[in-house]
Amino acid sequence: MYINSKKLALSNTELKAELDKLWADLVKERAGHECEKCRKKDYLNSHHIYSRTNYPVRWDERNGVCLCAGCHTLTNTSAHKSPLDFMEWIRAKRGETWYKTLQLKANTVTKNDKKLLKLYLEIELQKQKDKNKTL
């Protein structure tokens, strides 16, 4: 497995952008590149269940769901236009243990080691890609 370590001294802004991209790619890869709600394969977005501004879970893959543009923002039943309905759906889909774990982490004050987190996301993304190749 190859880990790209080309730039070790990134600015905080650059590192956040790379983490956002890795997180989004991992969320889509885990979903098999299809909307987890309607199964469409086009115009996919990685949606944060807890806001991106909630740093304890910003790059936690459990805080993400792959949605098509319609299920994410465009339709009246989308995650952004109907957040209560969306939360009911995702809690039913993933279960109460997942929800309580994510809720606890989201409400815990932590300081992320962004470089370590970047390495973790790179490894998880590669593992998921390898897994999807064998399916």
Protein backbone atom coordinates (compact mmCIF):
# COMPACT_ATOMS: atom_id res chain seq x y z
CA MET A 1 0.00 0.00 0.00
CA TYR A 2 1.39 3.41 -1.00
CA ILE A 3 0.82 6.48 1.17
CA ASN A 4 1.47 9.82 -0.51
CA SER A 5 3.70 11.85 1.79
CA LYS A 6 4.91 14.39 -0.78
CA LYS A 7 4.30 17.46 1.34
CA LEU A 8 5.04 17.12 5.00
CA ALA A 9 4.90 20.83 5.86
CA LEU A 10 1.42 21.92 4.80
CA SER A 11 -0.24 25.05 6.12
CA ASN A 12 -3.23 24.50 8.40
CA THR A 13 -5.57 25.66 5.60
CA GLU A 14 -3.98 23.27 3.08
CA LEU A 15 -4.12 20.41 5.54
CA LYS A 16 -7.81 21.03 6.27
CA ALA A 17 -8.55 21.06 2.52
CA GLU A 18 -6.71 17.76 2.05
CA LEU A 19 -8.54 16.23 5.02
CA ASP A 20 -11.89 17.42 3.63
CA LYS A 21 -11.11 15.81 0.26
CA LEU A 22 -9.91 12.54 1.80
CA TRP A 23 -12.98 12.40 4.06
CA ALA A 24 -15.36 13.05 1.15
CA ASP A 25 -13.65 10.42 -1.01
CA LEU A 26 -13.80 7.87 1.82
CA VAL A 27 -17.51 8.49 2.43
CA LYS A 28 -18.27 7.96 -1.28
CA GLU A 29 -16.00 4.92 -1.52
CA ARG A 30 -17.64 3.29 1.51
CA ALA A 31 -21.04 3.79 -0.11
CA GLY A 32 -19.86 2.13 -3.32
CA HIS A 33 -20.23 5.45 -5.17
CA GLU A 34 -24.01 5.52 -4.93
CA CYS A 35 -26.53 7.55 -2.96
CA GLU A 36 -27.22 5.77 0.31
CA LYS A 37 -30.82 6.92 0.25
CA CYS A 38 -32.03 6.43 -3.35
CA ARG A 39 -29.10 4.47 -4.91
CA LYS A 40 -28.47 6.96 -7.76
CA LYS A 41 -24.88 7.02 -8.99
CA ASP A 42 -24.64 10.57 -10.38
CA TYR A 43 -23.95 13.96 -8.77
CA LEU A 44 -22.78 12.51 -5.47
CA ASN A 45 -22.03 14.58 -2.38
CA SER A 46 -20.52 13.64 0.97
CA HIS A 47 -22.89 15.06 3.57
CA HIS A 48 -21.87 15.80 7.17
CA ILE A 49 -24.46 14.61 9.66
CA TYR A 50 -23.01 16.93 12.31
CA SER A 51 -21.82 20.21 10.76
CA ARG A 52 -18.32 20.66 9.36
CA THR A 53 -17.83 23.26 12.08
CA ASN A 54 -18.03 20.49 14.71
CA TYR A 55 -14.32 19.61 14.66
CA PRO A 56 -14.42 16.50 16.88
CA VAL A 57 -16.39 14.74 14.08
CA ARG A 58 -15.57 16.84 11.00
CA TRP A 59 -13.32 14.13 9.52
CA ASP A 60 -14.88 11.10 11.21
CA GLU A 61 -16.20 8.83 8.45
CA ARG A 62 -19.10 7.83 10.71
CA ASN A 63 -20.24 11.47 10.43
CA GLY A 64 -20.69 11.17 6.68
CA VAL A 65 -23.28 9.84 4.29
CA CYS A 66 -23.08 9.70 0.50
CA LEU A 67 -26.08 11.42 -1.09
CA CYS A 68 -27.02 12.44 -4.61
CA ALA A 69 -27.66 16.16 -5.15
CA GLY A 70 -31.41 15.64 -4.83
CA CYS A 71 -31.24 13.77 -1.53
CA HIS A 72 -28.59 16.19 -0.26
CA THR A 73 -30.01 19.65 -1.03
CA LEU A 74 -32.36 19.91 -4.00
CA THR A 75 -35.64 18.18 -3.13
CA ASN A 76 -38.13 19.07 -0.41
CA THR A 77 -37.23 15.82 1.39
CA SER A 78 -33.45 16.41 1.21
CA ALA A 79 -31.08 16.33 4.18
CA HIS A 80 -30.85 20.13 4.20
CA LYS A 81 -34.50 20.98 3.55
CA SER A 82 -35.96 18.32 5.83
CA PRO A 83 -33.29 17.67 8.50
CA LEU A 84 -35.61 16.05 11.05
CA ASP A 85 -36.86 13.50 8.52
CA PHE A 86 -33.28 12.91 7.41
CA MET A 87 -32.14 12.24 10.99
CA GLU A 88 -34.98 9.76 11.51
CA TRP A 89 -33.96 7.94 8.31
CA ILE A 90 -30.24 7.80 9.10
CA ARG A 91 -30.82 6.69 12.71
CA ALA A 92 -33.06 3.88 11.48
CA LYS A 93 -30.51 2.93 8.80
CA ARG A 94 -27.40 2.96 11.02
CA GLY A 95 -28.88 2.20 14.43
CA GLU A 96 -28.94 3.74 17.88
CA THR A 97 -25.45 2.57 18.84
CA TRP A 98 -23.98 4.42 15.85
CA TYR A 99 -26.03 7.52 16.68
CA LYS A 100 -25.14 7.59 20.39
CA THR A 101 -21.43 7.04 19.63
CA LEU A 102 -21.37 9.86 17.09
CA GLN A 103 -23.40 12.14 19.35
CA LEU A 104 -20.99 11.56 22.24
CA LYS A 105 -17.94 12.29 20.09
CA ALA A 106 -19.60 15.38 18.59
CA ASN A 107 -20.20 16.77 22.06
CA THR A 108 -16.71 16.04 23.42
CA VAL A 109 -14.06 18.74 23.29
CA THR A 110 -10.96 17.38 21.60
CA LYS A 111 -7.98 18.63 19.67
CA ASN A 112 -7.34 16.73 16.45
CA ASP A 113 -3.83 15.86 15.32
CA LYS A 114 -4.45 16.73 11.67
CA LYS A 115 -1.29 15.05 10.34
CA LEU A 116 -2.13 11.79 12.08
CA LEU A 117 -5.74 12.10 10.94
CA LYS A 118 -4.56 12.61 7.33
CA LEU A 119 -2.50 9.42 7.49
CA TYR A 120 -5.47 7.52 8.95
CA LEU A 121 -7.85 8.74 6.23
CA GLU A 122 -5.35 7.88 3.47
CA ILE A 123 -5.01 4.35 4.85
CA GLU A 124 -8.78 3.86 5.28
CA LEU A 125 -9.49 5.17 1.78
CA GLN A 126 -6.93 2.80 0.26
CA LYS A 127 -8.32 -0.15 2.25
CA GLN A 128 -11.84 0.65 1.05
CA LYS A 129 -10.69 0.96 -2.57
CA ASP A 130 -8.90 -2.38 -2.30
CA LYS A 131 -12.02 -3.94 -0.76
CA ASN A 132 -14.27 -2.54 -3.51
CA LYS A 133 -11.96 -3.93 -6.21
CA THR A 134 -12.48 -7.45 -4.88
CA LEU A 135 -16.29 -7.13 -4.84
